Amino acid sequence: MITDRSAKPDFQVGALLRGDTNTIAGWIERWTAGQAVRQVLVIAVGAGAFGAAMGSWRAPEQAAWSAVKLPFILVATAAGNALINGMLAPLLGVDLRLRESFAAVLTSFALAAIILGAFSPLMLFFVWNLPSPQPGAPVAVAAHSVLLLILVGLIAFAGVTANVRLLQLLQRLGSGIAPARRLLLAWLTVNLLLGSQLSWISRPFIGKAGIPVHFVDPHALNGNFFEDVARAVGELWSHFFR
């Protein structure tokens, strides 16, 4: 349990970006509904901007849907991750209560959303210069595959960076570096498995040429995330190396 009473309780983006352990510890110890709302708003703005940039390749409607869905996926993944890690933390040697687990995980997701938001102008520029989504055109299929892999890569980068940035905080909560690393590995594993499947069910985020824009795919429960990533890699391979 955190016992530092000198830390500032107010949520500050600057302190989050700096990885100020004392300040972040104060948020987690005295986590309030107001702080949670501010963190969710940060996720909505950062992830929403990134989702809109990705979805704009297909159509303005897809950009709007992706701007709504991506923040929802991050918040839902954070909630699931917090529940699981709140149970795992004591077993892994980290004194983290369930409420503190929610605060810590939501804080890491807020940082990940800020990173994604920072990438959104670059992503919009990249999307603007891609071939347009023309039905049946091999170049459009390749463009979709490129966007999908970039989406996966950047979200993974933001998530890993945000969690690793809080490693010092986990060390402070635990009895040393080893328990902190074990809990960090658990965070990353749950993020991968839960986040990827929720993303798969909530697709599309980019949209495909020739397929009407949907908020959720009518066949959302068919297949899985990893199959789609492997398919995208195969499409790119056949396009450039056939």
Protein backbone atom coordinates (compact mmCIF):
# COMPACT_ATOMS: atom_id res chain seq x y z
CA MET A 1 0.00 0.00 0.00
CA ILE A 2 1.26 3.51 -0.79
CA THR A 3 2.05 5.66 2.24
CA ASP A 4 3.59 8.80 0.75
CA ARG A 5 1.43 11.69 2.04
CA SER A 6 3.55 14.42 0.48
CA ALA A 7 2.59 13.64 -3.09
CA LYS A 8 0.23 15.96 -4.91
CA PRO A 9 -3.18 14.35 -5.47
CA ASP A 10 -4.22 16.33 -8.54
CA PHE A 11 -3.93 14.70 -11.96
CA GLN A 12 -1.31 16.53 -14.03
CA VAL A 13 -0.42 15.61 -17.60
CA GLY A 14 3.07 17.07 -17.22
CA ALA A 15 3.85 14.91 -14.20
CA LEU A 16 2.51 11.87 -16.05
CA LEU A 17 4.76 12.50 -19.05
CA ARG A 18 7.78 13.01 -16.77
CA GLY A 19 7.01 9.80 -14.89
CA ASP A 20 7.08 11.67 -11.56
CA THR A 21 6.78 8.72 -9.19
CA ASN A 22 5.91 10.75 -6.07
CA THR A 23 3.12 12.64 -7.82
CA ILE A 24 1.68 9.53 -9.49
CA ALA A 25 1.81 7.68 -6.17
CA GLY A 26 -0.24 10.49 -4.67
CA TRP A 27 -2.90 10.11 -7.36
CA ILE A 28 -3.15 6.39 -6.76
CA GLU A 29 -3.29 6.70 -2.96
CA ARG A 30 -6.00 9.38 -3.05
CA TRP A 31 -7.69 8.43 -6.29
CA THR A 32 -11.03 10.18 -6.66
CA ALA A 33 -13.91 10.08 -9.11
CA GLY A 34 -12.80 13.47 -10.43
CA GLN A 35 -9.33 12.18 -11.23
CA ALA A 36 -10.80 9.13 -12.94
CA VAL A 37 -13.01 11.37 -15.09
CA ARG A 38 -10.01 13.51 -16.08
CA GLN A 39 -8.00 10.42 -17.01
CA VAL A 40 -10.90 9.07 -19.09
CA LEU A 41 -11.17 12.44 -20.84
CA VAL A 42 -7.44 12.29 -21.67
CA ILE A 43 -7.99 8.81 -23.11
CA ALA A 44 -11.00 10.02 -25.11
CA VAL A 45 -9.09 12.94 -26.64
CA GLY A 46 -5.80 11.17 -27.34
CA ALA A 47 -7.14 7.82 -28.56
CA GLY A 48 -10.07 9.52 -30.31
CA ALA A 49 -7.74 11.70 -32.36
CA PHE A 50 -5.66 8.69 -33.36
CA GLY A 51 -8.74 6.62 -34.23
CA ALA A 52 -10.14 9.44 -36.36
CA ALA A 53 -6.86 9.73 -38.25
CA MET A 54 -6.84 6.00 -39.00
CA GLY A 55 -10.50 5.80 -40.00
CA SER A 56 -10.30 8.83 -42.28
CA TRP A 57 -8.68 6.65 -44.96
CA ARG A 58 -11.99 4.86 -45.59
CA ALA A 59 -14.60 7.59 -45.07
CA PRO A 60 -15.57 10.43 -42.71
CA GLU A 61 -18.15 8.14 -41.07
CA GLN A 62 -15.46 5.56 -40.36
CA ALA A 63 -13.28 8.28 -38.82
CA ALA A 64 -16.15 9.24 -36.50
CA TRP A 65 -16.85 5.63 -35.48
CA SER A 66 -13.17 4.91 -34.85
CA ALA A 67 -12.82 8.08 -32.78
CA VAL A 68 -15.57 6.72 -30.52
CA LYS A 69 -14.58 3.05 -30.44
CA LEU A 70 -10.84 3.27 -29.78
CA PRO A 71 -11.18 5.20 -26.49
CA PHE A 72 -13.94 2.80 -25.44
CA ILE A 73 -11.65 -0.18 -26.09
CA LEU A 74 -8.85 1.38 -24.04
CA VAL A 75 -11.13 2.11 -21.08
CA ALA A 76 -12.73 -1.37 -21.25
CA THR A 77 -9.30 -3.01 -21.42
CA ALA A 78 -8.10 -0.89 -18.51
CA ALA A 79 -11.09 -2.00 -16.41
CA GLY A 80 -10.54 -5.68 -17.18
CA ASN A 81 -6.81 -5.39 -16.64
CA ALA A 82 -7.30 -3.64 -13.31
CA LEU A 83 -9.60 -6.40 -12.03
CA ILE A 84 -7.22 -9.17 -13.04
CA ASN A 85 -4.07 -7.46 -11.82
CA GLY A 86 -5.74 -6.41 -8.59
CA MET A 87 -5.99 -10.15 -7.85
CA LEU A 88 -2.56 -11.02 -9.24
CA ALA A 89 -0.58 -8.24 -7.54
CA PRO A 90 -0.52 -9.77 -4.01
CA LEU A 91 0.45 -13.15 -5.49
CA LEU A 92 3.34 -11.50 -7.36
CA GLY A 93 4.66 -9.68 -4.30
CA VAL A 94 3.19 -6.20 -4.92
CA ASP A 95 1.00 -4.65 -2.21
CA LEU A 96 -1.66 -3.20 -4.49
CA ARG A 97 -5.32 -3.03 -3.50
CA LEU A 98 -8.07 -3.31 -6.09
CA ARG A 99 -8.84 0.43 -5.99
CA GLU A 100 -5.14 1.24 -6.39
CA SER A 101 -4.93 -1.25 -9.24
CA PHE A 102 -7.69 0.61 -11.08
CA ALA A 103 -5.92 3.92 -10.50
CA ALA A 104 -2.51 2.64 -11.64
CA VAL A 105 -3.82 0.88 -14.75
CA LEU A 106 -6.02 3.81 -15.80
CA THR A 107 -3.02 6.11 -15.33
CA SER A 108 -0.93 3.96 -17.65
CA PHE A 109 -3.69 3.96 -20.26
CA ALA A 110 -3.97 7.74 -20.04
CA LEU A 111 -0.26 7.96 -20.84
CA ALA A 112 -0.69 5.51 -23.74
CA ALA A 113 -3.53 7.68 -25.11
CA ILE A 114 -1.34 10.78 -24.93
CA ILE A 115 1.32 8.97 -26.96
CA LEU A 116 -1.28 7.90 -29.55
CA GLY A 117 -2.64 11.44 -29.70
CA ALA A 118 0.86 12.73 -30.39
CA PHE A 119 1.10 10.31 -33.32
CA SER A 120 -2.26 11.35 -34.81
CA PRO A 121 -1.02 14.29 -36.97
CA LEU A 122 1.72 12.11 -38.44
CA MET A 123 -0.80 9.32 -39.03
CA LEU A 124 -3.21 11.71 -40.73
CA PHE A 125 -0.43 12.88 -43.04
CA PHE A 126 0.45 9.26 -43.84
CA VAL A 127 -3.19 8.33 -44.54
CA TRP A 128 -3.59 11.40 -46.76
CA ASN A 129 -0.78 10.14 -48.99
CA LEU A 130 -1.98 6.54 -49.27
CA PRO A 131 -3.87 5.27 -52.33
CA SER A 132 -7.62 5.77 -51.99
CA PRO A 133 -9.78 2.74 -51.03
CA GLN A 134 -10.83 1.50 -54.47
CA PRO A 135 -12.82 -1.79 -54.47
CA GLY A 136 -10.83 -4.69 -55.91
CA ALA A 137 -7.64 -2.68 -56.46
CA PRO A 138 -4.55 -4.59 -55.22
CA VAL A 139 -2.94 -1.32 -54.13
CA ALA A 140 -5.96 -0.57 -51.91
CA VAL A 141 -5.71 -4.02 -50.31
CA ALA A 142 -2.03 -3.39 -49.62
CA ALA A 143 -2.79 0.06 -48.20
CA HIS A 144 -5.36 -1.44 -45.82
CA SER A 145 -2.86 -4.07 -44.66
CA VAL A 146 -0.20 -1.41 -44.08
CA LEU A 147 -2.62 0.68 -42.02
CA LEU A 148 -3.70 -2.33 -39.98
CA LEU A 149 -0.12 -3.27 -39.11
CA ILE A 150 0.74 0.34 -38.27
CA LEU A 151 -2.34 0.55 -36.05
CA VAL A 152 -1.32 -2.60 -34.19
CA GLY A 153 2.32 -1.53 -33.96
CA LEU A 154 1.66 1.97 -32.64
CA ILE A 155 -0.93 0.83 -30.10
CA ALA A 156 1.51 -1.84 -28.89
CA PHE A 157 4.31 0.73 -28.71
CA ALA A 158 2.16 3.19 -26.75
CA GLY A 159 0.95 0.51 -24.35
CA VAL A 160 4.39 -0.97 -23.65
CA THR A 161 5.97 2.47 -23.27
CA ALA A 162 3.27 3.64 -20.86
CA ASN A 163 3.53 0.53 -18.69
CA VAL A 164 7.32 0.50 -18.62
CA ARG A 165 7.25 4.21 -17.70
CA LEU A 166 5.47 3.22 -14.49
CA LEU A 167 7.98 0.49 -13.58
CA GLN A 168 9.51 2.68 -10.85
CA LEU A 169 6.06 3.08 -9.34
CA LEU A 170 5.60 -0.71 -9.28
CA GLN A 171 9.02 -1.06 -7.64
CA ARG A 172 7.91 1.36 -4.96
CA LEU A 173 4.76 -0.66 -4.31
CA GLY A 174 6.57 -3.99 -4.21
CA SER A 175 9.57 -5.34 -2.35
CA GLY A 176 12.03 -4.84 -5.18
CA ILE A 177 12.62 -4.95 -8.90
CA ALA A 178 11.68 -8.62 -9.33
CA PRO A 179 8.04 -8.32 -8.10
CA ALA A 180 7.63 -5.10 -10.09
CA ARG A 181 8.82 -6.79 -13.28
CA ARG A 182 6.52 -9.76 -12.68
CA LEU A 183 3.51 -7.47 -12.30
CA LEU A 184 4.57 -5.44 -15.35
CA LEU A 185 4.73 -8.65 -17.39
CA ALA A 186 1.25 -9.57 -16.14
CA TRP A 187 -0.04 -6.10 -17.17
CA LEU A 188 1.40 -6.43 -20.65
CA THR A 189 0.08 -9.98 -21.12
CA VAL A 190 -3.45 -9.10 -20.05
CA ASN A 191 -3.36 -5.96 -22.22
CA LEU A 192 -2.37 -8.05 -25.23
CA LEU A 193 -4.94 -10.80 -24.80
CA LEU A 194 -7.88 -8.74 -23.58
CA GLY A 195 -7.23 -5.64 -25.67
CA SER A 196 -6.67 -7.53 -28.90
CA GLN A 197 -9.88 -9.54 -28.57
CA LEU A 198 -11.99 -6.52 -27.62
CA SER A 199 -10.53 -4.69 -30.61
CA TRP A 200 -11.39 -7.61 -32.87
CA ILE A 201 -15.00 -7.70 -31.69
CA SER A 202 -15.31 -3.90 -32.12
CA ARG A 203 -13.83 -3.76 -35.62
CA PRO A 204 -13.61 -2.14 -38.12
CA PHE A 205 -11.34 0.74 -37.18
CA ILE A 206 -9.98 1.30 -40.69
CA GLY A 207 -12.62 -0.14 -43.01
CA LYS A 208 -12.15 -1.92 -46.32
CA ALA A 209 -12.85 -0.69 -49.82
CA GLY A 210 -16.11 -1.96 -51.27
CA ILE A 211 -17.59 -2.84 -47.86
CA PRO A 212 -20.18 -0.46 -46.36
CA VAL A 213 -19.09 1.43 -43.27
CA HIS A 214 -20.38 -0.26 -40.11
CA PHE A 215 -20.08 0.73 -36.48
CA VAL A 216 -19.45 -2.96 -35.68
CA ASP A 217 -18.76 -5.74 -38.19
CA PRO A 218 -21.87 -7.95 -38.67
CA HIS A 219 -19.56 -10.98 -38.28
CA ALA A 220 -17.71 -9.60 -35.27
CA LEU A 221 -17.42 -12.96 -33.49
CA ASN A 222 -15.90 -14.81 -36.45
CA GLY A 223 -12.14 -15.41 -36.44
CA ASN A 224 -9.71 -13.63 -34.14
CA PHE A 225 -7.25 -10.75 -33.99
CA PHE A 226 -4.13 -12.81 -34.61
CA GLU A 227 -5.55 -14.39 -37.76
CA ASP A 228 -6.29 -10.93 -39.16
CA VAL A 229 -2.76 -9.69 -38.46
CA ALA A 230 -1.29 -12.81 -40.11
CA ARG A 231 -3.61 -12.25 -43.10
CA ALA A 232 -2.43 -8.64 -43.42
CA VAL A 233 1.20 -9.74 -43.39
CA GLY A 234 0.44 -12.36 -46.06
CA GLU A 235 -1.32 -9.80 -48.26
CA LEU A 236 1.63 -7.43 -48.07
CA TRP A 237 4.06 -10.22 -48.81
CA SER A 238 2.12 -11.33 -51.88
CA HIS A 239 1.75 -7.72 -53.08
CA PHE A 240 5.42 -6.79 -52.87
CA PHE A 241 7.17 -10.14 -53.39
CA ARG A 242 4.97 -12.06 -55.81
